[in-house]
Amino acid sequence: MAAQTTSRALTLCSRSPLRARELAKVVNSRMEFRSSLSNGSLASSSSREEAVIGVEEWQGWGTSSAIPAMVMEVVRNLKGLEEEMNSQMSFGGLGGKLKGSFKVQEDKKHRATYKALVDSEEKLQFFSARQIACRLLGSRGYLCQKCWLAKEDCMCSKVVPSMLWNGIRFWVYMHPKDFLRQNNTGKVLWQIFGLQAATLCLYGIHEHEEIMWDAFKLAGKSKVWWLYPNKNAPSKTVMDIVSCKSSGDLDLDQQTTNGKRPLHFILLDGTWNNSAAMFRRLKEQAELVWGEEGLPCISLAMLGASPMHRLRPQPSWDRTCTAAAATGLLAELHQLPEFSSFGLEEQAEAVEDGLETLLHALTARRLRMGRSITRKERHINNIC
């Protein structure tokens, strides 16, 4: 990997001499960082148990990928710090946050590691890996792996699986701070449709993003779309998907018969502040892959209120939860003659039912804990 990085950097340097010194610093930073991983400055010694988090446990949370290398290294580092301090790490609050004296020492270590990284890409990967590692360790024995709810609130037995038409594939592009959140709705999609039809891709996790972009490159630009209400980005309607067929860019008949080349839809899953950074990352990568302006955003015309508005209101009606956005897309596609025979309306209803199930589970938990089941609405003028 280091040799490949160096080769790419030298090629870029030959094309742009003015960036040579800057790129050399980036390459050296990456090589030193990876060397520190193998030598043990971030990881624990090689004699420590390797499978701190096993493949089965990792994949149980909603992915079919291998364990990301950086996540594993951060987990080992946390376990190593436990041994150094002779103290067990403890978690509490939202997002599996570390607590107590262990948090203080770990915070010093991770800040020093982060500061030492020169390359912004390495910084992002380290940030994402640490967020995910803490959530994994903090959720053990507490959350159900399938629905991400506290085990006493598990809704899995009430979720009805459904088959998504093989001409569509969803990518839930999730921010690490939304990973394992109990009120996250993106997880509902793969609970209902399965991991291959609705695939989790974690922002900043190299292995996940590589899998996603490999699929996009194979599919081609005309088959990749994303849902994101960005006024500064080119916007398309669902009808534009069909217009591609007339220009020869889209062959729905082939998709219907063998499903080898489905339409790929990216759903950004994170807070609205975090999703802006995620959108920029996708846009930049799209420009690198296809050498032109990024992918257009789909604007949904029939987007209704998500059931989750009752617990977590959105700033405006064009900003809804991830699963509700998928429901709106399926419903609009069903209205088009070219898609009307694929059962998309029933598939949209299955997601709606899954959202209602999640809402009831979260509501029951709030009532049991004596908490309010309504949330203060925001930006009322935008919603009315």
Foldseek 3Di string as FASTA:
>chain_A
DLVVLVVVLVVVCVVPVVCNVVSVVQSVLVVVLVVCLVVDVQAHDPVPDQPPPPQVLVCLLQAPDGPFPLLSSNLRNLVRLCVVVVHDWAADDAQLQTDDPSNVVVVVSLVVSLVSRDDPLVNLLNVLSNSQNSNSVHCPPAARSQQLHGPVLDLLVVAAADADQLQEAEEAAEESSCRSGNLAQLSSVCSHHNCGRYPYAYPSRVRRVVVVVVLDLVQDQLQEEEADPDPVFAEDELVVNVVCVVVVNDDVVVCNPPSPRHRYYYFYTDPPVVVVVVVVVQQVVQCVSVVDGGHHHYQFDPQDAAPCCQQPNDLASSDHHRLSVQLSSLVVQCVDPSRVVRCSPVVSVSSSSSSVSSLVSVQVVCVVVVHDRGDDHHNVVRYD
